[in-house]
Amino acid sequence: MTDGPAELSATELLAAYRAGSLSPVEVARDALDRIATVDDAVNAYCLVDPDRTLADAAESEQRWRAGEPRGLLDGVPVSIKDILLSRGWPTLRGSHTVDPNQAWDVDAPAVARLREHNAVLVGKTTTPELGWKGVTDSPLTGVTRNPWDTTKTAGGSSGGASAAVATGTSPISIGTDGGGSVRIPASFSGVFGIKPTYGLVPLYPASPYGTLAHIGPLSWTVTDSALALDVLSGPDSRDWTAGPRPEHPVSETLEAGVAGMRIAFSPRLGFVRVDPEVAALVDTAVRTFSDLGARVELVDPVITDPVEAFHVLWFAGAAASIASLSPERRARLDPALLEVCEQGASRSALDYVAATAVRAELGRTMGAFHEQFDLLLTPTMPIPAFDAGVEVPTGSREARWTSWTPFTYPFNMTQQPAASLPCGFTETGLPVGLQVVGPKHADARVLTACRAFERARPWQGKRPALA
């Protein structure tokens, strides 16, 4: 794939607009051309609207020419996961059960903030049906593939978002993360992604998965995600669970470095089996933080795998998401999703309360852990990307996606900020991610550490070689 303006980061694009060396229309055209060239191979987008995208870019170009840009992302291409409502575009959530012929006149809070800051929306990205699993394929939109190897999965459920960033069709893409759905595809697709503290980014309508569900950006650089969170964290009264906006932008301390930070490294969280090649790459990456002046200690949080409690919460949310569907519409669902929903519907209120108690204890334990450590490092994924179109790797003894992503869902239960950094490639050329976890509300600290790693070990010089 040849270089073009759409491959630049958001911050580079803004600098070029300011200098007059690029225009938002040039960049939007390049992004749309790239989608037309590469998307048949990866299937990252389920909706592209060139006329609207170019019209928004033209308005941005006029503002820049007049020296009057408005907002932090004026003219920057951004894509949106097809879980988030976007005015004028249908939000079908990868499902035949959503009627496209209805009024689409509401923006989700994240989309509303992007418009206020004059981002140029290039399209909507694919998701598994109703965002229910850690890979991206659906009855409506088919299989989304990994840009580094199109026989492999891009991850999920924000797999379209990660593929969009990796292929240079938008420097920022907005995803959702209820059990790893930003970090899984970030790791598999070789991009940066962060799940912020729950409530930092308002959400409307409320997710059926409740307070497990976070909104977060994926991007080619850490700086771009920090910029995106400064935008997305704008308040919205429709989300009664959202926290207050941070007193300072999360990007404010981005260049502060990690010298003196107390960082724990847990290669297995005490219970995970990790592919040896992944483990070696992550171990090497962790040494970077010591080189940068942090005090890194090999230690596991005293936790056990909360997967059974997570299943109660997650499957109940899935069941709630289809509760109003007729039998005819249910018959059109992904069969595995229907199976999960049936399991969720069989759980009692007492089961749900017991699972919530497990979640509360996990949160208490991690809160105490972070009194000793500023950050926790783990692999993002215990394995590299596997074959596209299946929920679990071939030969797996387990049926569900949670069996291969044990490093991610615990931190949805605790609502902590957690990011995935690209930290190397396997011998077969597949990306591997390093997870950086912070205590609640320490999003700026997580981003600062990620930025320090990015400066020391930049990954931006290598792109997928899609023709």
Protein backbone atom coordinates (compact mmCIF):
# COMPACT_ATOMS: atom_id res chain seq x y z
CA MET A 1 0.00 0.00 0.00
CA THR A 2 1.48 3.33 -1.00
CA ASP A 3 1.85 6.23 1.42
CA GLY A 4 -0.78 8.96 1.29
CA PRO A 5 -2.10 11.79 3.44
CA ALA A 6 -4.69 9.56 5.10
CA GLU A 7 -1.82 7.53 6.62
CA LEU A 8 -0.74 10.54 8.67
CA SER A 9 -1.76 10.77 12.31
CA ALA A 10 -4.48 13.18 13.39
CA THR A 11 -1.92 15.49 14.97
CA GLU A 12 0.19 15.45 11.78
CA LEU A 13 -2.88 16.24 9.70
CA LEU A 14 -3.80 19.17 11.93
CA ALA A 15 -0.27 20.54 11.64
CA ALA A 16 -0.44 20.19 7.83
CA TYR A 17 -3.80 21.97 7.70
CA ARG A 18 -2.36 24.75 9.83
CA ALA A 19 0.65 25.09 7.52
CA GLY A 20 -1.53 24.94 4.41
CA SER A 21 0.37 21.96 2.97
CA LEU A 22 -2.70 19.70 3.00
CA SER A 23 -6.43 20.27 2.85
CA PRO A 24 -9.21 18.25 4.54
CA VAL A 25 -10.69 17.53 1.10
CA GLU A 26 -7.43 15.97 -0.13
CA VAL A 27 -7.28 13.79 2.97
CA ALA A 28 -10.92 12.77 2.79
CA ARG A 29 -10.54 11.79 -0.87
CA ASP A 30 -7.47 9.73 -0.06
CA ALA A 31 -9.30 7.99 2.79
CA LEU A 32 -12.25 7.16 0.52
CA ASP A 33 -9.90 5.96 -2.24
CA ARG A 34 -8.16 3.70 0.27
CA ILE A 35 -11.47 2.25 1.43
CA ALA A 36 -12.36 1.49 -2.19
CA THR A 37 -8.97 -0.16 -2.70
CA VAL A 38 -8.48 -2.26 0.44
CA ASP A 39 -11.84 -2.82 2.07
CA ASP A 40 -12.88 -5.76 -0.08
CA ALA A 41 -9.92 -7.60 1.48
CA VAL A 42 -10.59 -6.70 5.12
CA ASN A 43 -14.28 -5.72 5.32
CA ALA A 44 -13.77 -2.98 7.90
CA TYR A 45 -16.68 -0.78 6.80
CA CYS A 46 -20.38 -1.50 6.65
CA LEU A 47 -21.34 2.04 5.55
CA VAL A 48 -19.49 4.66 3.50
CA ASP A 49 -21.14 7.92 2.39
CA PRO A 50 -18.67 9.73 0.09
CA ASP A 51 -20.94 12.69 -0.70
CA ARG A 52 -21.52 13.52 2.93
CA THR A 53 -17.89 12.94 3.88
CA LEU A 54 -16.61 15.22 1.13
CA ALA A 55 -19.19 17.88 1.95
CA ASP A 56 -18.04 17.93 5.58
CA ALA A 57 -14.41 18.04 4.44
CA ALA A 58 -15.17 20.98 2.14
CA GLU A 59 -16.69 22.93 5.03
CA SER A 60 -13.62 22.19 7.12
CA GLU A 61 -11.36 23.33 4.28
CA GLN A 62 -13.18 26.66 4.14
CA ARG A 63 -12.66 27.19 7.87
CA TRP A 64 -8.94 26.41 7.63
CA ARG A 65 -8.52 28.73 4.63
CA ALA A 66 -10.20 31.49 6.57
CA GLY A 67 -7.92 30.80 9.54
CA GLU A 68 -10.93 29.89 11.66
CA PRO A 69 -10.82 26.14 12.43
CA ARG A 70 -13.26 25.08 15.11
CA GLY A 71 -12.70 22.19 17.46
CA LEU A 72 -9.83 19.84 18.26
CA LEU A 73 -10.43 17.53 15.27
CA ASP A 74 -11.48 19.92 12.51
CA GLY A 75 -11.00 18.07 9.22
CA VAL A 76 -9.63 14.82 10.71
CA PRO A 77 -11.17 11.61 9.28
CA VAL A 78 -12.80 9.48 12.00
CA SER A 79 -14.79 6.26 11.65
CA ILE A 80 -17.47 5.01 14.03
CA LYS A 81 -18.35 1.50 15.13
CA ASP A 82 -21.85 0.55 13.98
CA ILE A 83 -23.05 0.23 17.58
CA LEU A 84 -23.15 4.01 18.11
CA LEU A 85 -26.09 6.05 16.84
CA SER A 86 -25.17 8.54 14.14
CA ARG A 87 -27.65 11.02 12.74
CA GLY A 88 -28.53 10.38 9.11
CA TRP A 89 -26.93 6.93 8.99
CA PRO A 90 -28.60 3.67 10.08
CA THR A 91 -27.13 1.83 13.06
CA LEU A 92 -27.79 -1.83 12.29
CA ARG A 93 -25.34 -3.38 14.78
CA GLY A 94 -24.47 -6.25 12.45
CA SER A 95 -27.99 -7.63 12.65
CA HIS A 96 -30.85 -8.43 10.31
CA THR A 97 -33.16 -7.79 13.29
CA VAL A 98 -32.74 -3.99 13.16
CA ASP A 99 -35.08 -2.24 10.74
CA PRO A 100 -33.07 0.18 8.58
CA ASN A 101 -36.26 1.98 7.49
CA GLN A 102 -36.76 4.22 10.49
CA ALA A 103 -35.77 7.71 11.54
CA TRP A 104 -32.07 7.96 12.29
CA ASP A 105 -32.03 11.44 13.77
CA VAL A 106 -30.05 11.03 17.01
CA ASP A 107 -26.32 11.06 17.65
CA ALA A 108 -24.79 9.04 20.48
CA PRO A 109 -22.83 11.31 22.84
CA ALA A 110 -19.48 10.28 21.32
CA VAL A 111 -20.70 11.08 17.82
CA ALA A 112 -22.20 14.37 18.95
CA ARG A 113 -18.84 15.40 20.45
CA LEU A 114 -17.04 14.47 17.22
CA ARG A 115 -19.42 16.68 15.24
CA GLU A 116 -18.97 19.56 17.70
CA HIS A 117 -15.22 19.33 17.08
CA ASN A 118 -15.78 19.08 13.31
CA ALA A 119 -14.23 15.67 12.69
CA VAL A 120 -14.95 14.38 9.17
CA LEU A 121 -16.89 11.14 9.56
CA VAL A 122 -15.81 8.67 6.87
CA GLY A 123 -18.15 5.78 7.66
CA LYS A 124 -19.31 3.11 10.07
CA THR A 125 -17.24 0.07 10.94
CA THR A 126 -18.26 -3.54 11.33
CA THR A 127 -19.19 -5.36 14.51
CA PRO A 128 -20.33 -8.86 15.42
CA GLU A 129 -24.08 -8.97 15.89
CA LEU A 130 -25.02 -6.64 18.76
CA GLY A 131 -21.32 -6.49 19.70
CA TRP A 132 -21.53 -9.78 21.58
CA LYS A 133 -18.14 -11.47 21.01
CA GLY A 134 -14.39 -10.93 20.68
CA VAL A 135 -14.18 -11.50 16.91
CA THR A 136 -15.91 -9.59 14.15
CA ASP A 137 -18.29 -11.49 11.90
CA SER A 138 -22.03 -11.17 11.64
CA PRO A 139 -25.00 -12.48 9.64
CA LEU A 140 -25.46 -8.99 8.16
CA THR A 141 -21.94 -7.91 7.21
CA GLY A 142 -19.90 -11.11 7.00
CA VAL A 143 -16.33 -11.62 8.22
CA THR A 144 -13.86 -8.83 9.04
CA ARG A 145 -10.24 -9.84 8.45
CA ASN A 146 -6.85 -8.94 9.82
CA PRO A 147 -4.93 -6.47 7.61
CA TRP A 148 -1.63 -8.21 8.44
CA ASP A 149 -2.93 -11.61 7.30
CA THR A 150 -6.41 -11.74 5.81
CA THR A 151 -6.83 -15.40 6.72
CA LYS A 152 -6.84 -14.29 10.38
CA THR A 153 -9.37 -12.42 12.51
CA ALA A 154 -8.98 -8.72 13.22
CA GLY A 155 -10.40 -9.38 16.69
CA GLY A 156 -13.54 -7.82 18.04
CA SER A 157 -15.97 -6.63 18.73
CA SER A 158 -14.40 -3.42 17.39
CA GLY A 159 -12.61 -5.36 14.65
CA GLY A 160 -13.79 -3.06 11.89
CA ALA A 161 -12.41 -0.10 13.84
CA SER A 162 -8.97 -1.67 14.28
CA ALA A 163 -8.80 -2.71 10.62
CA ALA A 164 -9.79 0.82 9.56
CA VAL A 165 -6.91 2.32 11.53
CA ALA A 166 -4.35 -0.30 10.48
CA THR A 167 -5.13 0.19 6.78
CA GLY A 168 -4.85 3.98 6.99
CA THR A 169 -8.48 4.73 6.12
CA SER A 170 -8.97 6.78 9.29
CA PRO A 171 -6.34 7.74 11.86
CA ILE A 172 -8.93 7.45 14.65
CA SER A 173 -11.84 5.06 14.99
CA ILE A 174 -14.33 4.96 17.85
CA GLY A 175 -15.09 1.56 19.36
CA THR A 176 -16.85 0.02 22.33
CA ASP A 177 -15.38 -2.32 24.94
CA GLY A 178 -17.50 -4.50 27.23
CA GLY A 179 -15.03 -7.33 27.77
CA GLY A 180 -12.01 -6.36 25.68
CA SER A 181 -13.62 -5.15 22.48
CA VAL A 182 -11.20 -2.24 21.96
CA ARG A 183 -8.07 -3.97 23.32
CA ILE A 184 -8.53 -7.37 21.61
CA PRO A 185 -8.60 -5.93 18.07
CA ALA A 186 -5.93 -3.37 18.93
CA SER A 187 -3.63 -6.24 19.89
CA PHE A 188 -4.52 -8.49 16.95
CA SER A 189 -4.41 -5.65 14.40
CA GLY A 190 -1.29 -3.85 15.62
CA VAL A 191 -2.80 -0.50 16.62
CA PHE A 192 -3.21 1.45 19.84
CA GLY A 193 -6.51 1.28 21.72
CA ILE A 194 -7.69 2.40 25.14
CA LYS A 195 -10.71 1.54 27.23
CA PRO A 196 -11.00 4.55 29.53
CA THR A 197 -12.36 4.56 33.06
CA TYR A 198 -16.06 3.77 32.98
CA GLY A 199 -18.08 6.97 32.66
CA LEU A 200 -15.30 9.13 31.23
CA VAL A 201 -17.04 8.90 27.84
CA PRO A 202 -20.85 9.18 28.16
CA LEU A 203 -22.98 6.53 26.48
CA TYR A 204 -26.54 6.73 25.16
CA PRO A 205 -28.64 4.67 24.74
CA ALA A 206 -27.55 2.67 27.76
CA SER A 207 -25.85 -0.58 26.86
CA PRO A 208 -27.70 -3.82 27.66
CA TYR A 209 -24.38 -4.88 29.17
CA GLY A 210 -24.69 -2.11 31.72
CA THR A 211 -21.59 -0.68 33.35
CA LEU A 212 -19.31 -3.25 31.70
CA ALA A 213 -19.56 -1.26 28.45
CA HIS A 214 -17.04 1.51 27.78
CA ILE A 215 -16.47 3.77 24.75
CA GLY A 216 -12.88 4.22 23.60
CA PRO A 217 -10.73 5.21 20.62
CA LEU A 218 -8.39 3.14 18.48
CA SER A 219 -5.64 5.01 16.66
CA TRP A 220 -2.27 4.77 14.97
CA THR A 221 -0.60 6.81 17.75
CA VAL A 222 -1.05 7.29 21.48
CA THR A 223 -1.27 11.05 20.99
CA ASP A 224 -4.25 10.67 18.68
CA SER A 225 -6.17 8.60 21.25
CA ALA A 226 -5.41 11.17 23.94
CA LEU A 227 -6.71 13.90 21.65
CA ALA A 228 -9.81 11.81 20.91
CA LEU A 229 -10.51 11.30 24.63
CA ASP A 230 -10.25 15.04 25.24
CA VAL A 231 -13.09 15.33 22.71
CA LEU A 232 -15.17 12.29 23.71
CA SER A 233 -15.14 13.07 27.42
CA GLY A 234 -17.38 16.09 26.92
CA PRO A 235 -20.44 15.87 29.21
CA ASP A 236 -23.81 14.61 28.04
CA SER A 237 -26.88 14.70 30.29
CA ARG A 238 -28.38 11.60 28.68
CA ASP A 239 -25.96 9.31 30.54
CA TRP A 240 -26.84 9.41 34.23
CA THR A 241 -23.97 6.99 35.07
CA ALA A 242 -21.22 9.15 33.56
CA GLY A 243 -18.66 10.71 35.84
CA PRO A 244 -17.63 14.36 35.87
CA ARG A 245 -15.38 15.62 33.12
CA PRO A 246 -11.71 15.57 34.22
CA GLU A 247 -10.44 18.84 35.64
CA HIS A 248 -7.56 18.72 33.13
CA PRO A 249 -7.41 17.23 29.62
CA VAL A 250 -6.05 13.68 29.66
CA SER A 251 -3.48 14.79 27.07
CA GLU A 252 -2.03 17.47 29.33
CA THR A 253 0.64 15.26 30.94
CA LEU A 254 1.27 13.07 27.92
CA GLU A 255 5.01 13.83 27.73
CA ALA A 256 5.73 13.53 31.45
CA GLY A 257 7.43 10.12 31.23
CA VAL A 258 7.47 7.18 33.64
CA ALA A 259 10.59 7.86 35.71
CA GLY A 260 9.87 6.93 39.32
CA MET A 261 6.57 5.16 38.58
CA ARG A 262 5.95 1.92 40.47
CA ILE A 263 4.88 -0.62 37.85
CA ALA A 264 3.82 -4.24 38.39
CA PHE A 265 4.34 -6.79 35.64
CA SER A 266 2.10 -9.85 35.75
CA PRO A 267 2.90 -12.18 32.84
CA ARG A 268 -0.02 -14.54 33.62
CA LEU A 269 -2.31 -12.69 36.08
CA GLY A 270 -1.71 -15.81 38.13
CA PHE A 271 -3.98 -18.07 36.06
CA VAL A 272 -3.46 -17.58 32.28
CA ARG A 273 -1.57 -19.85 29.87
CA VAL A 274 0.34 -17.66 27.39
CA ASP A 275 1.81 -18.60 24.03
CA PRO A 276 5.63 -18.69 24.48
CA GLU A 277 6.28 -16.36 21.54
CA VAL A 278 3.79 -13.82 22.88
CA ALA A 279 5.27 -14.12 26.37
CA ALA A 280 8.80 -13.45 25.09
CA LEU A 281 7.76 -10.37 23.11
CA VAL A 282 5.85 -8.93 26.06
CA ASP A 283 8.73 -9.64 28.46
CA THR A 284 11.13 -7.75 26.20
CA ALA A 285 8.69 -4.84 25.91
CA VAL A 286 8.29 -4.55 29.68
CA ARG A 287 12.04 -4.00 30.07
CA THR A 288 11.58 -0.74 28.19
CA PHE A 289 9.80 0.75 31.21
CA SER A 290 12.78 -0.09 33.43
CA ASP A 291 15.08 1.52 30.88
CA LEU A 292 12.92 4.65 31.06
CA GLY A 293 13.34 4.93 34.83
CA ALA A 294 10.29 3.15 36.20
CA ARG A 295 10.58 0.67 39.07
CA VAL A 296 9.20 -2.54 37.58
CA GLU A 297 8.40 -5.50 39.81
CA LEU A 298 7.29 -9.00 38.82
CA VAL A 299 4.10 -9.55 40.82
CA ASP A 300 0.59 -10.97 40.34
CA PRO A 301 -2.52 -9.33 41.78
CA VAL A 302 -4.15 -11.76 44.19
CA ILE A 303 -7.16 -12.54 42.02
CA THR A 304 -8.76 -15.59 40.47
CA ASP A 305 -10.35 -15.85 37.05
CA PRO A 306 -13.77 -14.11 37.31
CA VAL A 307 -15.03 -15.64 34.05
CA GLU A 308 -18.10 -17.36 35.53
CA ALA A 309 -19.32 -14.14 37.11
CA PHE A 310 -18.53 -12.28 33.89
CA HIS A 311 -20.60 -14.81 31.94
CA VAL A 312 -23.60 -14.20 34.19
CA LEU A 313 -23.38 -10.45 33.64
CA TRP A 314 -22.54 -10.64 29.93
CA PHE A 315 -25.02 -13.33 28.96
CA ALA A 316 -27.80 -11.60 30.89
CA GLY A 317 -27.03 -8.41 28.96
CA ALA A 318 -27.16 -10.33 25.69
CA ALA A 319 -30.53 -11.79 26.68
CA ALA A 320 -31.83 -8.30 27.49
CA SER A 321 -30.68 -7.03 24.10
CA ILE A 322 -33.06 -9.39 22.26
CA ALA A 323 -35.90 -9.51 24.80
CA SER A 324 -38.31 -7.55 22.58
CA LEU A 325 -37.68 -9.55 19.39
CA SER A 326 -40.41 -11.72 17.90
CA PRO A 327 -39.70 -15.43 17.36
CA GLU A 328 -39.38 -14.70 13.64
CA ARG A 329 -36.66 -12.11 14.21
CA ARG A 330 -34.87 -14.30 16.76
CA ALA A 331 -34.60 -16.96 14.11
CA ARG A 332 -32.40 -14.58 12.09
CA LEU A 333 -29.82 -14.14 14.86
CA ASP A 334 -26.32 -15.57 14.89
CA PRO A 335 -27.00 -19.08 16.32
CA ALA A 336 -24.17 -18.77 18.85
CA LEU A 337 -25.56 -15.43 20.05
CA LEU A 338 -28.97 -17.00 20.48
CA GLU A 339 -27.38 -19.78 22.53
CA VAL A 340 -25.69 -17.24 24.80
CA CYS A 341 -28.94 -15.30 25.16
CA GLU A 342 -30.81 -18.43 26.20
CA GLN A 343 -28.19 -19.10 28.84
CA GLY A 344 -28.46 -15.55 30.07
CA ALA A 345 -32.26 -15.74 30.26
CA SER A 346 -31.99 -18.82 32.47
CA ARG A 347 -30.05 -16.95 35.17
CA SER A 348 -31.92 -15.68 38.24
CA ALA A 349 -31.80 -12.29 39.87
CA LEU A 350 -29.88 -13.90 42.72
CA ASP A 351 -27.30 -15.18 40.22
CA TYR A 352 -26.89 -11.64 38.94
CA VAL A 353 -26.50 -10.23 42.46
CA ALA A 354 -23.91 -12.90 43.29
CA ALA A 355 -21.95 -12.07 40.13
CA THR A 356 -22.08 -8.38 41.06
CA ALA A 357 -20.62 -9.27 44.46
CA VAL A 358 -17.71 -11.05 42.73
CA ARG A 359 -17.23 -7.92 40.66
CA ALA A 360 -17.24 -5.71 43.76
CA GLU A 361 -14.61 -7.85 45.48
CA LEU A 362 -12.44 -7.80 42.37
CA GLY A 363 -12.71 -4.02 42.31
CA ARG A 364 -11.77 -3.82 45.98
CA THR A 365 -8.74 -6.07 45.42
CA MET A 366 -7.50 -4.07 42.47
CA GLY A 367 -8.06 -0.81 44.32
CA ALA A 368 -5.80 -2.05 47.11
CA PHE A 369 -3.27 -3.31 44.57
CA HIS A 370 -2.98 0.14 43.03
CA GLU A 371 -2.20 1.65 46.40
CA GLN A 372 1.18 -0.07 45.94
CA PHE A 373 1.54 0.18 42.15
CA ASP A 374 0.86 3.05 39.77
CA LEU A 375 0.29 0.70 36.82
CA LEU A 376 -0.06 -2.98 35.97
CA LEU A 377 1.41 -4.51 32.80
CA THR A 378 0.17 -7.77 31.24
CA PRO A 379 -0.03 -9.24 27.77
CA THR A 380 -3.16 -7.95 26.08
CA MET A 381 -3.84 -11.35 24.54
CA PRO A 382 -2.31 -14.73 25.41
CA ILE A 383 -2.22 -15.72 21.72
CA PRO A 384 -1.80 -14.04 18.33
CA ALA A 385 -4.71 -13.72 15.92
CA PHE A 386 -6.27 -17.00 14.77
CA ASP A 387 -8.40 -17.98 11.76
CA ALA A 388 -11.08 -15.52 10.67
CA GLY A 389 -14.74 -16.52 10.84
CA VAL A 390 -14.68 -18.62 14.02
CA GLU A 391 -15.31 -17.72 17.66
CA VAL A 392 -12.45 -19.75 19.13
CA PRO A 393 -9.18 -21.12 17.73
CA THR A 394 -9.28 -24.48 16.01
CA GLY A 395 -8.93 -27.29 18.53
CA SER A 396 -10.13 -25.23 21.49
CA ARG A 397 -11.85 -27.20 24.24
CA GLU A 398 -14.02 -24.19 25.03
CA ALA A 399 -16.88 -22.80 22.96
CA ARG A 400 -16.90 -19.15 23.97
CA TRP A 401 -14.62 -16.21 23.13
CA THR A 402 -13.84 -15.52 26.78
CA SER A 403 -11.68 -18.66 26.86
CA TRP A 404 -8.91 -16.91 24.90
CA THR A 405 -9.12 -13.35 26.24
CA PRO A 406 -8.66 -13.69 30.02
CA PHE A 407 -6.50 -10.55 30.36
CA THR A 408 -9.22 -8.14 29.23
CA TYR A 409 -12.64 -8.79 30.79
CA PRO A 410 -11.48 -8.54 34.45
CA PHE A 411 -10.82 -4.84 33.93
CA ASN A 412 -14.28 -4.23 32.52
CA MET A 413 -15.63 -5.66 35.74
CA THR A 414 -13.47 -3.24 37.75
CA GLN A 415 -14.06 -0.28 35.38
CA GLN A 416 -10.34 0.55 35.28
CA PRO A 417 -8.62 2.24 32.34
CA ALA A 418 -6.69 -0.25 30.23
CA ALA A 419 -4.82 0.20 26.95
CA SER A 420 -3.17 -2.08 24.40
CA LEU A 421 0.19 -1.07 22.89
CA PRO A 422 1.74 -2.75 19.86
CA CYS A 423 4.93 -4.37 21.15
CA GLY A 424 6.20 -6.60 18.33
CA PHE A 425 5.42 -9.27 15.77
CA THR A 426 5.49 -13.04 15.78
CA GLU A 427 7.72 -14.89 13.32
CA THR A 428 4.71 -15.20 11.03
CA GLY A 429 4.19 -11.42 11.06
CA LEU A 430 1.22 -11.14 13.42
CA PRO A 431 1.08 -8.23 15.90
CA VAL A 432 1.29 -8.70 19.67
CA GLY A 433 -0.04 -6.26 22.26
CA LEU A 434 1.08 -5.16 25.73
CA GLN A 435 -1.72 -4.16 28.13
CA VAL A 436 -1.26 -1.16 30.45
CA VAL A 437 -3.79 -0.97 33.30
CA GLY A 438 -4.25 1.87 35.75
CA PRO A 439 -6.44 2.55 38.78
CA LYS A 440 -9.83 4.13 38.15
CA HIS A 441 -9.64 7.72 36.91
CA ALA A 442 -5.90 7.43 36.14
CA ASP A 443 -6.48 7.61 32.39
CA ALA A 444 -3.88 10.35 32.00
CA ARG A 445 -1.30 8.18 33.78
CA VAL A 446 -2.01 5.22 31.49
CA LEU A 447 -1.66 7.42 28.42
CA THR A 448 1.55 8.99 29.74
CA ALA A 449 3.12 5.55 30.17
CA CYS A 450 1.95 4.46 26.74
CA ARG A 451 3.36 7.60 25.17
CA ALA A 452 6.72 7.03 26.88
CA PHE A 453 6.81 3.50 25.42
CA GLU A 454 5.81 4.81 22.01
CA ARG A 455 8.67 7.33 22.01
CA ALA A 456 11.14 4.61 22.98
CA ARG A 457 9.79 1.93 20.64
CA PRO A 458 7.74 3.55 17.85
CA TRP A 459 5.74 1.14 15.71
CA GLN A 460 4.44 3.50 13.05
CA GLY A 461 7.11 2.70 10.44
CA LYS A 462 5.45 -0.56 9.42
CA ARG A 463 2.01 -0.92 7.81
CA PRO A 464 0.16 -3.98 6.55
CA ALA A 465 1.26 -4.74 2.99
CA LEU A 466 -2.21 -4.89 1.43
CA ALA A 467 -2.11 -4.23 -2.32
